[in-house]
């Protein structure tokens, strides 16, 4: 019998619809500093490379030139605001809780690899009751590198299944997730409900699914293909 594949998930746009709380926190911080805040639809396209990059992109979208010191000031303010409001409107995408329970029950080691800062990641996963499903969680500020660098994903897999990192699946919503998976030579499943600029169907993932209800079948397909 084949061993259950380790499965590593992205967070924002994959497991949880975090856009409302991210956009609201960014809006409050920018308004407090007399800066024009981007609307939610624009913020959706900016998410995926970490909170500091999000702040820098929002400044650029507003036509504001800013040095590192100003970006850092706004970044810290954003983290403080978001940390206090991370679970106001954020919710797991449909089918996430049921699917995680099913995969966990089947013996799949589950992990999270996200460019989101680790404190915010734990606040969110704890607040939504998702943390118990995961044996390894590595945020974007834990290491000196992050996705698309495959070493970020590798660090999660080392905590989950150090014996063979090539037999695993990355589940995400973006090019960063795909590139990290490809860098390790593992399979990648992308969801269509995610964030960022790219269309999931055009990135070349092993499988693309509409939502989490389709994930167990996708994992079975990938498991069968390695047998």
N, C-alpha and C. Protein backbone atom coordinates (compact mmCIF):
# COMPACT_ATOMS: atom_id res chain seq x y z
N UNK A 1 0.85 -1.20 0.00
CA UNK A 1 0.00 0.00 0.00
C UNK A 1 0.88 1.24 0.00
N UNK A 2 0.53 2.22 -0.87
CA UNK A 2 1.31 3.44 -0.96
C UNK A 2 1.11 4.30 0.29
N UNK A 3 2.21 4.90 0.73
CA UNK A 3 2.13 5.82 1.87
C UNK A 3 1.36 7.06 1.46
N UNK A 4 0.55 7.60 2.37
CA UNK A 4 -0.22 8.81 2.07
C UNK A 4 0.72 9.97 1.79
N UNK A 5 0.48 10.64 0.68
CA UNK A 5 1.34 11.75 0.27
C UNK A 5 1.26 12.91 1.26
N UNK A 6 2.40 13.52 1.61
CA UNK A 6 2.35 14.80 2.31
C UNK A 6 1.73 15.86 1.39
N UNK A 7 0.91 16.72 1.95
CA UNK A 7 0.26 17.78 1.18
C UNK A 7 0.53 19.11 1.88
N UNK A 8 1.04 20.07 1.11
CA UNK A 8 1.36 21.39 1.66
C UNK A 8 0.46 22.42 0.98
N UNK A 9 -0.12 23.30 1.78
CA UNK A 9 -1.08 24.28 1.28
C UNK A 9 -0.53 25.70 1.40
N UNK A 10 -0.83 26.50 0.40
CA UNK A 10 -0.75 27.96 0.54
C UNK A 10 -1.93 28.39 1.43
N UNK A 11 -1.90 29.63 1.89
CA UNK A 11 -2.95 30.10 2.80
C UNK A 11 -3.90 31.09 2.14
N UNK A 12 -3.43 32.32 1.90
CA UNK A 12 -4.29 33.36 1.34
C UNK A 12 -4.74 32.99 -0.07
N UNK A 13 -6.04 32.96 -0.29
CA UNK A 13 -6.55 32.66 -1.62
C UNK A 13 -6.64 31.18 -1.93
N UNK A 14 -6.09 30.35 -1.05
CA UNK A 14 -6.14 28.90 -1.23
C UNK A 14 -7.01 28.27 -0.16
N UNK A 15 -6.57 28.33 1.09
CA UNK A 15 -7.36 27.80 2.20
C UNK A 15 -8.43 28.77 2.67
N UNK A 16 -8.06 30.04 2.74
CA UNK A 16 -8.92 31.04 3.39
C UNK A 16 -9.11 32.26 2.49
N UNK A 17 -10.35 32.74 2.44
CA UNK A 17 -10.66 34.00 1.74
C UNK A 17 -10.34 35.14 2.71
N UNK A 18 -9.11 35.60 2.65
CA UNK A 18 -8.61 36.62 3.58
C UNK A 18 -8.71 38.03 3.02
N UNK A 19 -9.09 38.15 1.76
CA UNK A 19 -9.08 39.46 1.10
C UNK A 19 -9.83 40.55 1.86
N UNK A 20 -11.05 40.31 2.37
CA UNK A 20 -11.77 41.41 3.04
C UNK A 20 -11.00 42.02 4.20
N UNK A 21 -10.39 41.19 5.04
CA UNK A 21 -9.68 41.72 6.20
C UNK A 21 -8.35 42.35 5.82
N UNK A 22 -7.68 41.80 4.82
CA UNK A 22 -6.42 42.40 4.35
C UNK A 22 -6.70 43.78 3.77
N UNK A 23 -7.70 43.87 2.90
CA UNK A 23 -8.03 45.15 2.26
C UNK A 23 -8.50 46.17 3.28
N UNK A 24 -9.28 45.74 4.26
CA UNK A 24 -9.78 46.67 5.28
C UNK A 24 -8.64 47.22 6.14
N UNK A 25 -7.71 46.35 6.54
CA UNK A 25 -6.58 46.81 7.35
C UNK A 25 -5.71 47.77 6.56
N UNK A 26 -5.46 47.45 5.30
CA UNK A 26 -4.65 48.33 4.46
C UNK A 26 -5.33 49.69 4.29
N UNK A 27 -6.64 49.67 4.11
CA UNK A 27 -7.39 50.92 3.96
C UNK A 27 -7.32 51.77 5.22
N UNK A 28 -7.47 51.16 6.38
CA UNK A 28 -7.40 51.93 7.63
C UNK A 28 -6.02 52.56 7.82
N UNK A 29 -4.99 51.79 7.54
CA UNK A 29 -3.62 52.30 7.73
C UNK A 29 -3.33 53.43 6.76
N UNK A 30 -3.68 53.24 5.50
CA UNK A 30 -3.41 54.29 4.51
C UNK A 30 -4.22 55.55 4.82
N UNK A 31 -5.47 55.38 5.21
CA UNK A 31 -6.30 56.54 5.55
C UNK A 31 -5.72 57.29 6.75
N UNK A 32 -5.23 56.55 7.74
CA UNK A 32 -4.63 57.18 8.92
C UNK A 32 -3.38 57.97 8.58
N UNK A 33 -2.72 57.61 7.48
CA UNK A 33 -1.51 58.32 7.05
C UNK A 33 -1.79 59.25 5.87
N UNK A 34 -3.07 59.58 5.67
CA UNK A 34 -3.49 60.51 4.60
C UNK A 34 -3.03 60.05 3.23
N UNK A 35 -3.17 58.76 2.98
CA UNK A 35 -2.81 58.18 1.69
C UNK A 35 -4.05 57.55 1.06
N UNK A 36 -4.16 57.61 -0.27
CA UNK A 36 -5.30 56.95 -0.93
C UNK A 36 -5.15 55.43 -0.87
N UNK A 37 -6.18 54.77 -0.40
CA UNK A 37 -6.12 53.31 -0.24
C UNK A 37 -6.66 52.63 -1.49
N UNK A 38 -6.04 51.53 -1.92
CA UNK A 38 -6.56 50.79 -3.07
C UNK A 38 -7.85 50.07 -2.70
N UNK A 39 -8.74 49.91 -3.70
CA UNK A 39 -9.97 49.19 -3.42
C UNK A 39 -9.70 47.68 -3.38
N UNK A 40 -10.70 46.95 -2.94
CA UNK A 40 -10.52 45.52 -2.70
C UNK A 40 -10.14 44.75 -3.96
N UNK A 41 -10.72 45.14 -5.09
CA UNK A 41 -10.41 44.42 -6.33
C UNK A 41 -8.94 44.58 -6.72
N UNK A 42 -8.39 45.74 -6.43
CA UNK A 42 -6.97 45.96 -6.73
C UNK A 42 -6.08 45.23 -5.72
N UNK A 43 -6.47 45.25 -4.45
CA UNK A 43 -5.70 44.53 -3.44
C UNK A 43 -5.63 43.05 -3.77
N UNK A 44 -6.70 42.49 -4.29
CA UNK A 44 -6.74 41.07 -4.66
C UNK A 44 -5.58 40.71 -5.58
N UNK A 45 -5.25 41.61 -6.50
CA UNK A 45 -4.17 41.33 -7.46
C UNK A 45 -2.79 41.55 -6.86
N UNK A 46 -2.72 42.20 -5.69
CA UNK A 46 -1.43 42.51 -5.06
C UNK A 46 -0.97 41.44 -4.07
N UNK A 47 -1.87 40.57 -3.65
CA UNK A 47 -1.57 39.60 -2.60
C UNK A 47 -0.72 38.45 -3.14
N UNK A 48 0.21 37.97 -2.32
CA UNK A 48 0.94 36.76 -2.69
C UNK A 48 2.42 36.77 -2.40
N UNK A 49 2.99 37.95 -2.19
CA UNK A 49 4.44 38.04 -1.98
C UNK A 49 4.80 38.59 -0.60
N UNK A 50 3.89 38.50 0.34
CA UNK A 50 4.17 38.97 1.69
C UNK A 50 3.61 40.35 1.95
N UNK A 51 3.48 40.68 3.24
CA UNK A 51 2.81 41.92 3.65
C UNK A 51 3.61 43.17 3.28
N UNK A 52 4.92 43.11 3.40
CA UNK A 52 5.71 44.30 3.07
C UNK A 52 5.61 44.63 1.59
N UNK A 53 5.66 43.61 0.75
CA UNK A 53 5.50 43.83 -0.69
C UNK A 53 4.11 44.34 -1.00
N UNK A 54 3.10 43.86 -0.28
CA UNK A 54 1.74 44.37 -0.46
C UNK A 54 1.68 45.86 -0.19
N UNK A 55 2.29 46.31 0.90
CA UNK A 55 2.31 47.74 1.23
C UNK A 55 3.03 48.52 0.14
N UNK A 56 4.16 48.02 -0.33
CA UNK A 56 4.91 48.71 -1.37
C UNK A 56 4.10 48.81 -2.66
N UNK A 57 3.39 47.76 -3.00
CA UNK A 57 2.56 47.77 -4.21
C UNK A 57 1.40 48.74 -4.07
N UNK A 58 0.82 48.81 -2.89
CA UNK A 58 -0.28 49.74 -2.67
C UNK A 58 0.19 51.19 -2.79
N UNK A 59 1.39 51.47 -2.29
CA UNK A 59 1.96 52.81 -2.45
C UNK A 59 2.20 53.13 -3.91
N UNK A 60 2.74 52.17 -4.63
CA UNK A 60 2.99 52.38 -6.06
C UNK A 60 1.69 52.62 -6.81
N UNK A 61 0.66 51.85 -6.48
CA UNK A 61 -0.64 52.02 -7.13
C UNK A 61 -1.23 53.40 -6.85
N UNK A 62 -0.90 53.94 -5.68
CA UNK A 62 -1.39 55.28 -5.31
C UNK A 62 -0.54 56.39 -5.91
N UNK A 63 0.53 56.02 -6.60
CA UNK A 63 1.41 57.02 -7.18
C UNK A 63 2.29 57.71 -6.17
N UNK A 64 2.55 57.04 -5.05
CA UNK A 64 3.34 57.62 -3.96
C UNK A 64 4.74 57.02 -3.98
N UNK A 65 5.74 57.87 -4.09
CA UNK A 65 7.11 57.40 -3.98
C UNK A 65 7.47 57.31 -2.50
N UNK A 66 8.06 56.19 -2.13
CA UNK A 66 8.36 55.99 -0.71
C UNK A 66 9.69 55.29 -0.55
N UNK A 67 10.47 55.75 0.44
CA UNK A 67 11.72 55.07 0.73
C UNK A 67 11.46 53.90 1.66
N UNK A 68 12.50 53.13 1.94
CA UNK A 68 12.35 51.94 2.76
C UNK A 68 11.81 52.26 4.15
N UNK A 69 12.23 53.40 4.69
CA UNK A 69 11.79 53.76 6.04
C UNK A 69 10.28 53.98 6.09
N UNK A 70 9.74 54.64 5.07
CA UNK A 70 8.29 54.87 5.07
C UNK A 70 7.54 53.56 4.84
N UNK A 71 8.05 52.74 3.94
CA UNK A 71 7.42 51.44 3.71
C UNK A 71 7.41 50.63 5.00
N UNK A 72 8.53 50.65 5.72
CA UNK A 72 8.61 49.89 6.97
C UNK A 72 7.62 50.41 8.01
N UNK A 73 7.45 51.73 8.08
CA UNK A 73 6.50 52.31 9.02
C UNK A 73 5.08 51.84 8.73
N UNK A 74 4.71 51.90 7.46
CA UNK A 74 3.37 51.46 7.06
C UNK A 74 3.21 49.95 7.22
N UNK A 75 4.27 49.23 6.94
CA UNK A 75 4.25 47.77 7.08
C UNK A 75 3.99 47.38 8.54
N UNK A 76 4.69 48.01 9.46
CA UNK A 76 4.48 47.70 10.88
C UNK A 76 3.06 48.08 11.32
N UNK A 77 2.58 49.22 10.83
CA UNK A 77 1.22 49.63 11.18
C UNK A 77 0.19 48.65 10.62
N UNK A 78 0.45 48.18 9.40
CA UNK A 78 -0.45 47.20 8.80
C UNK A 78 -0.47 45.91 9.61
N UNK A 79 0.71 45.43 10.00
CA UNK A 79 0.76 44.18 10.78
C UNK A 79 0.01 44.32 12.10
N UNK A 80 0.15 45.47 12.75
CA UNK A 80 -0.55 45.68 14.01
C UNK A 80 -2.07 45.68 13.81
N UNK A 81 -2.52 46.41 12.79
CA UNK A 81 -3.96 46.49 12.53
C UNK A 81 -4.51 45.13 12.10
N UNK A 82 -3.82 44.51 11.15
CA UNK A 82 -4.31 43.23 10.64
C UNK A 82 -4.28 42.16 11.72
N UNK A 83 -3.25 42.18 12.56
CA UNK A 83 -3.17 41.20 13.63
C UNK A 83 -4.35 41.27 14.59
N UNK A 84 -4.91 42.46 14.75
CA UNK A 84 -6.06 42.63 15.63
C UNK A 84 -7.39 42.35 14.93
N UNK A 85 -7.34 42.19 13.61
CA UNK A 85 -8.59 42.07 12.85
C UNK A 85 -8.53 40.98 11.77
N UNK A 86 -7.68 39.99 11.98
CA UNK A 86 -7.44 38.99 10.93
C UNK A 86 -8.63 38.07 10.68
N UNK A 87 -9.50 37.93 11.66
CA UNK A 87 -10.61 36.97 11.52
C UNK A 87 -11.98 37.64 11.55
N UNK A 88 -12.05 38.91 11.23
CA UNK A 88 -13.33 39.61 11.25
C UNK A 88 -14.25 39.10 10.14
N UNK A 89 -13.74 39.10 8.92
CA UNK A 89 -14.55 38.67 7.77
C UNK A 89 -13.93 37.51 7.01
N UNK A 90 -12.72 37.12 7.36
CA UNK A 90 -12.05 36.01 6.66
C UNK A 90 -12.71 34.69 7.02
N UNK A 91 -12.87 33.86 6.00
CA UNK A 91 -13.49 32.54 6.20
C UNK A 91 -12.79 31.51 5.32
N UNK A 92 -12.74 30.25 5.77
CA UNK A 92 -12.24 29.20 4.88
C UNK A 92 -13.11 29.13 3.62
N UNK A 93 -12.49 28.85 2.50
CA UNK A 93 -13.27 28.66 1.28
C UNK A 93 -14.19 27.44 1.44
N UNK A 94 -15.28 27.39 0.68
CA UNK A 94 -16.20 26.26 0.79
C UNK A 94 -15.49 24.92 0.63
N UNK A 95 -15.81 24.00 1.51
CA UNK A 95 -15.26 22.66 1.44
C UNK A 95 -13.91 22.47 2.10
N UNK A 96 -13.27 23.55 2.55
CA UNK A 96 -11.92 23.44 3.11
C UNK A 96 -11.91 22.58 4.38
N UNK A 97 -12.77 22.89 5.33
CA UNK A 97 -12.74 22.17 6.61
C UNK A 97 -13.04 20.68 6.40
N UNK A 98 -14.05 20.39 5.60
CA UNK A 98 -14.41 19.00 5.35
C UNK A 98 -13.29 18.24 4.64
N UNK A 99 -12.65 18.91 3.67
CA UNK A 99 -11.59 18.26 2.91
C UNK A 99 -10.35 18.04 3.76
N UNK A 100 -9.98 19.03 4.57
CA UNK A 100 -8.84 18.86 5.46
C UNK A 100 -9.09 17.71 6.43
N UNK A 101 -10.31 17.63 6.95
CA UNK A 101 -10.64 16.53 7.87
C UNK A 101 -10.53 15.18 7.18
N UNK A 102 -10.99 15.12 5.93
CA UNK A 102 -10.91 13.86 5.18
C UNK A 102 -9.47 13.46 4.92
N UNK A 103 -8.67 14.41 4.44
CA UNK A 103 -7.27 14.10 4.12
C UNK A 103 -6.48 13.75 5.38
N UNK A 104 -6.73 14.49 6.44
CA UNK A 104 -6.07 14.22 7.71
C UNK A 104 -6.45 12.82 8.22
N UNK A 105 -7.72 12.49 8.07
CA UNK A 105 -8.19 11.19 8.51
C UNK A 105 -7.61 10.05 7.70
N UNK A 106 -7.25 10.33 6.46
CA UNK A 106 -6.63 9.31 5.61
C UNK A 106 -5.14 9.14 5.88
N UNK A 107 -4.62 9.97 6.76
CA UNK A 107 -3.21 9.84 7.12
C UNK A 107 -2.25 10.72 6.35
N UNK A 108 -2.77 11.64 5.54
CA UNK A 108 -1.88 12.56 4.82
C UNK A 108 -1.26 13.56 5.80
N UNK A 109 0.07 13.66 5.87
CA UNK A 109 0.67 14.74 6.66
C UNK A 109 0.38 16.08 5.96
N UNK A 110 -0.13 17.04 6.69
CA UNK A 110 -0.55 18.32 6.11
C UNK A 110 0.29 19.46 6.66
N UNK A 111 0.65 20.41 5.78
CA UNK A 111 1.43 21.56 6.19
C UNK A 111 0.98 22.82 5.48
N UNK A 112 1.48 23.95 5.94
CA UNK A 112 1.19 25.25 5.34
C UNK A 112 2.50 25.94 5.00
N UNK A 113 2.59 26.41 3.76
CA UNK A 113 3.74 27.19 3.29
C UNK A 113 3.19 28.49 2.73
N UNK A 114 3.37 29.58 3.46
CA UNK A 114 2.77 30.86 3.09
C UNK A 114 3.78 31.99 3.20
N UNK A 115 3.65 32.97 2.31
CA UNK A 115 4.48 34.17 2.41
C UNK A 115 3.93 35.16 3.44
N UNK A 116 2.80 34.84 4.02
CA UNK A 116 2.23 35.67 5.08
C UNK A 116 3.14 35.60 6.31
N UNK A 117 3.33 36.70 7.05
CA UNK A 117 4.13 36.64 8.27
C UNK A 117 3.60 35.56 9.22
N UNK A 118 4.50 34.94 9.94
CA UNK A 118 4.11 33.78 10.74
C UNK A 118 3.13 34.12 11.86
N UNK A 119 3.30 35.27 12.50
CA UNK A 119 2.37 35.64 13.57
C UNK A 119 0.95 35.76 13.02
N UNK A 120 0.79 36.44 11.89
CA UNK A 120 -0.53 36.58 11.28
C UNK A 120 -1.08 35.23 10.85
N UNK A 121 -0.20 34.38 10.35
CA UNK A 121 -0.61 33.04 9.92
C UNK A 121 -1.20 32.26 11.08
N UNK A 122 -0.51 32.24 12.22
CA UNK A 122 -1.01 31.49 13.37
C UNK A 122 -2.28 32.12 13.94
N UNK A 123 -2.35 33.45 13.97
CA UNK A 123 -3.57 34.10 14.44
C UNK A 123 -4.77 33.66 13.60
N UNK A 124 -4.57 33.61 12.30
CA UNK A 124 -5.65 33.26 11.39
C UNK A 124 -6.04 31.79 11.51
N UNK A 125 -5.05 30.91 11.45
CA UNK A 125 -5.36 29.47 11.52
C UNK A 125 -5.95 29.09 12.87
N UNK A 126 -5.43 29.68 13.95
CA UNK A 126 -6.00 29.42 15.28
C UNK A 126 -7.42 29.96 15.38
N UNK A 127 -7.60 31.19 14.89
CA UNK A 127 -8.90 31.84 15.01
C UNK A 127 -10.00 31.14 14.23
N UNK A 128 -9.63 30.50 13.12
CA UNK A 128 -10.62 29.82 12.29
C UNK A 128 -10.71 28.32 12.58
N UNK A 129 -9.93 27.86 13.56
CA UNK A 129 -9.99 26.46 13.94
C UNK A 129 -9.32 25.50 12.98
N UNK A 130 -8.42 26.00 12.15
CA UNK A 130 -7.75 25.15 11.16
C UNK A 130 -6.41 24.61 11.63
N UNK A 131 -5.81 25.24 12.63
CA UNK A 131 -4.45 24.88 13.04
C UNK A 131 -4.28 23.40 13.39
N UNK A 132 -5.25 22.75 14.05
CA UNK A 132 -5.03 21.35 14.45
C UNK A 132 -4.81 20.39 13.28
N UNK A 133 -5.19 20.77 12.08
CA UNK A 133 -4.99 19.89 10.94
C UNK A 133 -3.53 19.81 10.50
N UNK A 134 -2.72 20.80 10.88
CA UNK A 134 -1.40 20.95 10.28
C UNK A 134 -0.27 20.59 11.23
N UNK A 135 0.63 19.74 10.73
CA UNK A 135 1.79 19.33 11.51
C UNK A 135 2.98 20.25 11.32
N UNK A 136 2.94 21.09 10.29
CA UNK A 136 4.05 22.03 10.03
C UNK A 136 3.49 23.29 9.38
N UNK A 137 3.89 24.44 9.91
CA UNK A 137 3.46 25.74 9.39
C UNK A 137 4.69 26.64 9.33
N UNK A 138 5.03 27.12 8.14
CA UNK A 138 6.19 28.00 7.99
C UNK A 138 5.77 29.26 7.24
N UNK A 139 5.79 30.39 7.95
CA UNK A 139 5.42 31.67 7.36
C UNK A 139 6.56 32.31 6.58
N UNK A 140 6.23 33.43 5.95
CA UNK A 140 7.17 34.08 5.06
C UNK A 140 8.30 34.81 5.73
N UNK A 141 8.23 35.00 7.05
CA UNK A 141 9.31 35.70 7.74
C UNK A 141 10.10 34.77 8.67
N UNK A 142 9.85 33.47 8.60
CA UNK A 142 10.58 32.52 9.45
C UNK A 142 12.00 32.30 8.94
N UNK A 143 12.18 32.31 7.62
CA UNK A 143 13.44 31.97 6.98
C UNK A 143 13.95 33.15 6.16
N UNK A 144 15.22 33.13 5.74
CA UNK A 144 15.74 34.22 4.91
C UNK A 144 15.31 34.12 3.45
N UNK A 145 14.41 33.21 3.13
CA UNK A 145 13.90 33.05 1.76
C UNK A 145 12.44 32.65 1.85
N UNK A 146 11.70 32.85 0.77
CA UNK A 146 10.28 32.51 0.75
C UNK A 146 9.88 32.16 -0.67
N UNK A 147 8.69 31.61 -0.83
CA UNK A 147 8.21 31.27 -2.18
C UNK A 147 8.33 32.49 -3.10
N UNK A 148 8.77 32.26 -4.33
CA UNK A 148 8.88 31.00 -5.08
C UNK A 148 10.16 30.20 -4.82
N UNK A 149 11.00 30.63 -3.90
CA UNK A 149 12.19 29.85 -3.57
C UNK A 149 11.77 28.48 -3.04
N UNK A 150 12.18 27.41 -3.70
CA UNK A 150 11.73 26.08 -3.27
C UNK A 150 12.21 25.68 -1.88
N UNK A 151 13.22 26.36 -1.35
CA UNK A 151 13.70 26.01 -0.01
C UNK A 151 12.65 26.31 1.06
N UNK A 152 11.78 27.27 0.79
CA UNK A 152 10.69 27.56 1.73
C UNK A 152 9.75 26.35 1.83
N UNK A 153 9.34 25.87 0.66
CA UNK A 153 8.50 24.67 0.63
C UNK A 153 9.25 23.46 1.19
N UNK A 154 10.53 23.37 0.87
CA UNK A 154 11.33 22.26 1.38
C UNK A 154 11.40 22.25 2.90
N UNK A 155 11.42 23.43 3.50
CA UNK A 155 11.47 23.51 4.97
C UNK A 155 10.20 22.94 5.59
N UNK A 156 9.06 23.15 4.93
CA UNK A 156 7.81 22.56 5.43
C UNK A 156 7.85 21.05 5.29
N UNK A 157 8.28 20.58 4.13
CA UNK A 157 8.33 19.13 3.90
C UNK A 157 9.32 18.44 4.83
N UNK A 158 10.42 19.11 5.15
CA UNK A 158 11.37 18.52 6.09
C UNK A 158 10.73 18.25 7.44
N UNK A 159 9.78 19.12 7.82
CA UNK A 159 9.09 18.94 9.09
C UNK A 159 7.99 17.88 9.01
N UNK A 160 7.49 17.67 7.78
CA UNK A 160 6.40 16.71 7.59
C UNK A 160 6.90 15.30 7.29
N UNK A 161 7.81 15.21 6.32
CA UNK A 161 8.22 13.91 5.81
C UNK A 161 9.65 13.99 5.29
N UNK A 162 10.63 14.06 6.17
CA UNK A 162 12.01 14.29 5.74
C UNK A 162 12.61 13.18 4.90
N UNK A 163 11.93 12.03 4.83
CA UNK A 163 12.53 10.91 4.13
C UNK A 163 12.55 11.11 2.60
N UNK A 164 11.55 11.77 2.02
CA UNK A 164 11.49 11.87 0.57
C UNK A 164 10.61 13.03 0.16
N UNK A 165 11.22 14.20 -0.05
CA UNK A 165 10.45 15.39 -0.38
C UNK A 165 9.91 15.41 -1.80
N UNK A 166 10.31 14.43 -2.65
CA UNK A 166 9.84 14.45 -4.03
C UNK A 166 8.46 13.81 -4.17
N UNK A 167 8.01 13.07 -3.17
CA UNK A 167 6.68 12.48 -3.23
C UNK A 167 5.76 13.27 -2.32
N UNK A 168 5.29 14.39 -2.85
CA UNK A 168 4.43 15.29 -2.10
C UNK A 168 3.63 16.12 -3.10
N UNK A 169 2.66 16.86 -2.58
CA UNK A 169 1.83 17.72 -3.42
C UNK A 169 1.75 19.10 -2.79
N UNK A 170 1.91 20.12 -3.63
CA UNK A 170 1.69 21.51 -3.22
C UNK A 170 0.33 21.94 -3.75
N UNK A 171 -0.51 22.50 -2.88
CA UNK A 171 -1.81 23.02 -3.29
C UNK A 171 -1.80 24.52 -3.09
N UNK A 172 -1.99 25.27 -4.17
CA UNK A 172 -1.92 26.72 -4.07
C UNK A 172 -2.80 27.40 -5.08
N UNK A 173 -2.52 28.69 -5.30
CA UNK A 173 -3.35 29.47 -6.22
C UNK A 173 -2.53 30.36 -7.14
N UNK A 174 -1.19 30.24 -7.10
CA UNK A 174 -0.38 31.24 -7.80
C UNK A 174 0.86 30.66 -8.45
N UNK A 175 1.49 31.50 -9.25
CA UNK A 175 2.76 31.14 -9.88
C UNK A 175 3.81 30.83 -8.83
N UNK A 176 3.83 31.58 -7.73
CA UNK A 176 4.80 31.31 -6.66
C UNK A 176 4.70 29.88 -6.15
N UNK A 177 3.47 29.41 -5.97
CA UNK A 177 3.26 28.05 -5.48
C UNK A 177 3.76 27.02 -6.49
N UNK A 178 3.45 27.26 -7.76
CA UNK A 178 3.88 26.35 -8.81
C UNK A 178 5.40 26.31 -8.92
N UNK A 179 6.04 27.48 -8.90
CA UNK A 179 7.49 27.53 -9.04
C UNK A 179 8.19 26.85 -7.87
N UNK A 180 7.67 27.04 -6.67
CA UNK A 180 8.26 26.37 -5.51
C UNK A 180 8.16 24.86 -5.66
N UNK A 181 7.00 24.38 -6.11
CA UNK A 181 6.81 22.94 -6.31
C UNK A 181 7.73 22.41 -7.39
N UNK A 182 7.80 23.11 -8.50
CA UNK A 182 8.64 22.67 -9.61
C UNK A 182 10.11 22.64 -9.19
N UNK A 183 10.51 23.60 -8.36
CA UNK A 183 11.89 23.65 -7.90
C UNK A 183 12.29 22.44 -7.08
N UNK A 184 11.30 21.80 -6.46
CA UNK A 184 11.55 20.58 -5.67
C UNK A 184 11.20 19.31 -6.44
N UNK A 185 10.63 19.48 -7.63
CA UNK A 185 10.25 18.32 -8.41
C UNK A 185 9.02 17.60 -7.89
N UNK A 186 8.10 18.35 -7.25
CA UNK A 186 6.88 17.72 -6.74
C UNK A 186 5.67 18.21 -7.52
N UNK A 187 4.56 17.50 -7.35
CA UNK A 187 3.33 17.83 -8.06
C UNK A 187 2.69 19.09 -7.48
N UNK A 188 1.90 19.75 -8.33
CA UNK A 188 1.22 20.98 -7.89
C UNK A 188 -0.22 20.99 -8.38
N UNK A 189 -1.13 21.26 -7.47
CA UNK A 189 -2.55 21.46 -7.78
C UNK A 189 -2.88 22.92 -7.49
N UNK A 190 -3.50 23.60 -8.44
CA UNK A 190 -3.90 24.99 -8.24
C UNK A 190 -5.42 25.10 -8.20
N UNK A 191 -5.91 26.02 -7.36
CA UNK A 191 -7.34 26.29 -7.27
C UNK A 191 -7.66 27.55 -8.08
N UNK A 192 -8.86 27.57 -8.63
CA UNK A 192 -9.25 28.70 -9.49
C UNK A 192 -9.77 29.90 -8.71
N UNK A 193 -10.00 29.75 -7.41
CA UNK A 193 -10.63 30.84 -6.65
C UNK A 193 -9.60 31.78 -6.01
N UNK A 194 -8.34 31.72 -6.44
CA UNK A 194 -7.28 32.41 -5.73
C UNK A 194 -7.07 33.86 -6.09
N UNK A 195 -5.95 34.39 -5.61
CA UNK A 195 -5.60 35.79 -5.76
C UNK A 195 -4.44 35.95 -6.75
N UNK A 196 -4.02 37.20 -6.94
CA UNK A 196 -2.90 37.48 -7.82
C UNK A 196 -3.34 37.78 -9.24
N UNK A 197 -2.35 38.04 -10.09
CA UNK A 197 -2.61 38.46 -11.46
C UNK A 197 -2.83 37.30 -12.42
N UNK A 198 -2.31 36.13 -12.09
CA UNK A 198 -2.27 35.03 -13.05
C UNK A 198 -3.56 34.22 -13.07
N UNK A 199 -3.84 33.62 -14.22
CA UNK A 199 -4.95 32.68 -14.36
C UNK A 199 -4.42 31.28 -14.08
N UNK A 200 -5.01 30.60 -13.12
CA UNK A 200 -4.51 29.29 -12.71
C UNK A 200 -4.42 28.30 -13.87
N UNK A 201 -5.37 28.37 -14.79
CA UNK A 201 -5.40 27.41 -15.90
C UNK A 201 -4.25 27.60 -16.88
N UNK A 202 -3.59 28.74 -16.83
CA UNK A 202 -2.54 29.04 -17.81
C UNK A 202 -1.13 28.83 -17.26
N UNK A 203 -1.00 28.36 -16.03
CA UNK A 203 0.32 28.27 -15.40
C UNK A 203 1.03 26.93 -15.58
N UNK A 204 0.29 25.91 -15.99
CA UNK A 204 0.93 24.63 -16.24
C UNK A 204 1.02 23.71 -15.04
N UNK A 205 0.08 23.83 -14.10
CA UNK A 205 0.06 22.92 -12.94
C UNK A 205 -0.33 21.52 -13.39
N UNK A 206 -0.05 20.54 -12.53
CA UNK A 206 -0.43 19.17 -12.84
C UNK A 206 -1.95 19.03 -12.94
N UNK A 207 -2.65 19.69 -12.02
CA UNK A 207 -4.11 19.70 -12.04
C UNK A 207 -4.59 21.07 -11.59
N UNK A 208 -5.73 21.51 -12.13
CA UNK A 208 -6.38 22.74 -11.70
C UNK A 208 -7.81 22.38 -11.31
N UNK A 209 -8.23 22.83 -10.13
CA UNK A 209 -9.56 22.46 -9.63
C UNK A 209 -10.38 23.70 -9.32
N UNK A 210 -11.70 23.53 -9.34
CA UNK A 210 -12.59 24.65 -9.05
C UNK A 210 -12.62 24.98 -7.57
N UNK A 211 -12.50 23.97 -6.72
CA UNK A 211 -12.58 24.20 -5.29
C UNK A 211 -12.17 22.97 -4.52
N UNK A 212 -12.27 23.05 -3.20
CA UNK A 212 -11.75 21.99 -2.35
C UNK A 212 -12.56 20.71 -2.40
N UNK A 213 -13.79 20.77 -2.84
CA UNK A 213 -14.57 19.54 -3.00
C UNK A 213 -13.92 18.61 -4.02
N UNK A 214 -13.15 19.19 -4.94
CA UNK A 214 -12.49 18.40 -5.99
C UNK A 214 -11.11 17.90 -5.57
N UNK A 215 -10.60 18.33 -4.42
CA UNK A 215 -9.22 18.01 -4.07
C UNK A 215 -9.00 16.53 -3.72
N UNK A 216 -9.86 15.88 -2.94
CA UNK A 216 -9.59 14.46 -2.65
C UNK A 216 -9.43 13.62 -3.91
N UNK A 217 -10.28 13.85 -4.91
CA UNK A 217 -10.16 13.10 -6.16
C UNK A 217 -8.86 13.43 -6.87
N UNK A 218 -8.45 14.70 -6.82
CA UNK A 218 -7.19 15.09 -7.43
C UNK A 218 -6.01 14.40 -6.76
N UNK A 219 -6.05 14.33 -5.44
CA UNK A 219 -4.97 13.65 -4.70
C UNK A 219 -4.96 12.16 -5.04
N UNK A 220 -6.13 11.55 -5.14
CA UNK A 220 -6.18 10.14 -5.52
C UNK A 220 -5.58 9.93 -6.91
N UNK A 221 -5.88 10.83 -7.83
CA UNK A 221 -5.33 10.73 -9.19
C UNK A 221 -3.81 10.84 -9.18
N UNK A 222 -3.28 11.78 -8.43
CA UNK A 222 -1.83 11.95 -8.36
C UNK A 222 -1.17 10.78 -7.65
N UNK A 223 -1.84 10.25 -6.64
CA UNK A 223 -1.30 9.09 -5.93
C UNK A 223 -1.25 7.87 -6.84
N UNK A 224 -2.32 7.67 -7.62
CA UNK A 224 -2.36 6.53 -8.54
C UNK A 224 -1.29 6.64 -9.61
N UNK A 225 -1.00 7.86 -10.05
CA UNK A 225 -0.03 8.05 -11.13
C UNK A 225 1.39 7.76 -10.69
N UNK A 226 1.65 7.74 -9.39
CA UNK A 226 3.00 7.41 -8.92
C UNK A 226 3.11 5.93 -8.56
N UNK A 227 1.97 5.26 -8.56
CA UNK A 227 2.01 3.84 -8.22
C UNK A 227 2.39 3.02 -9.40
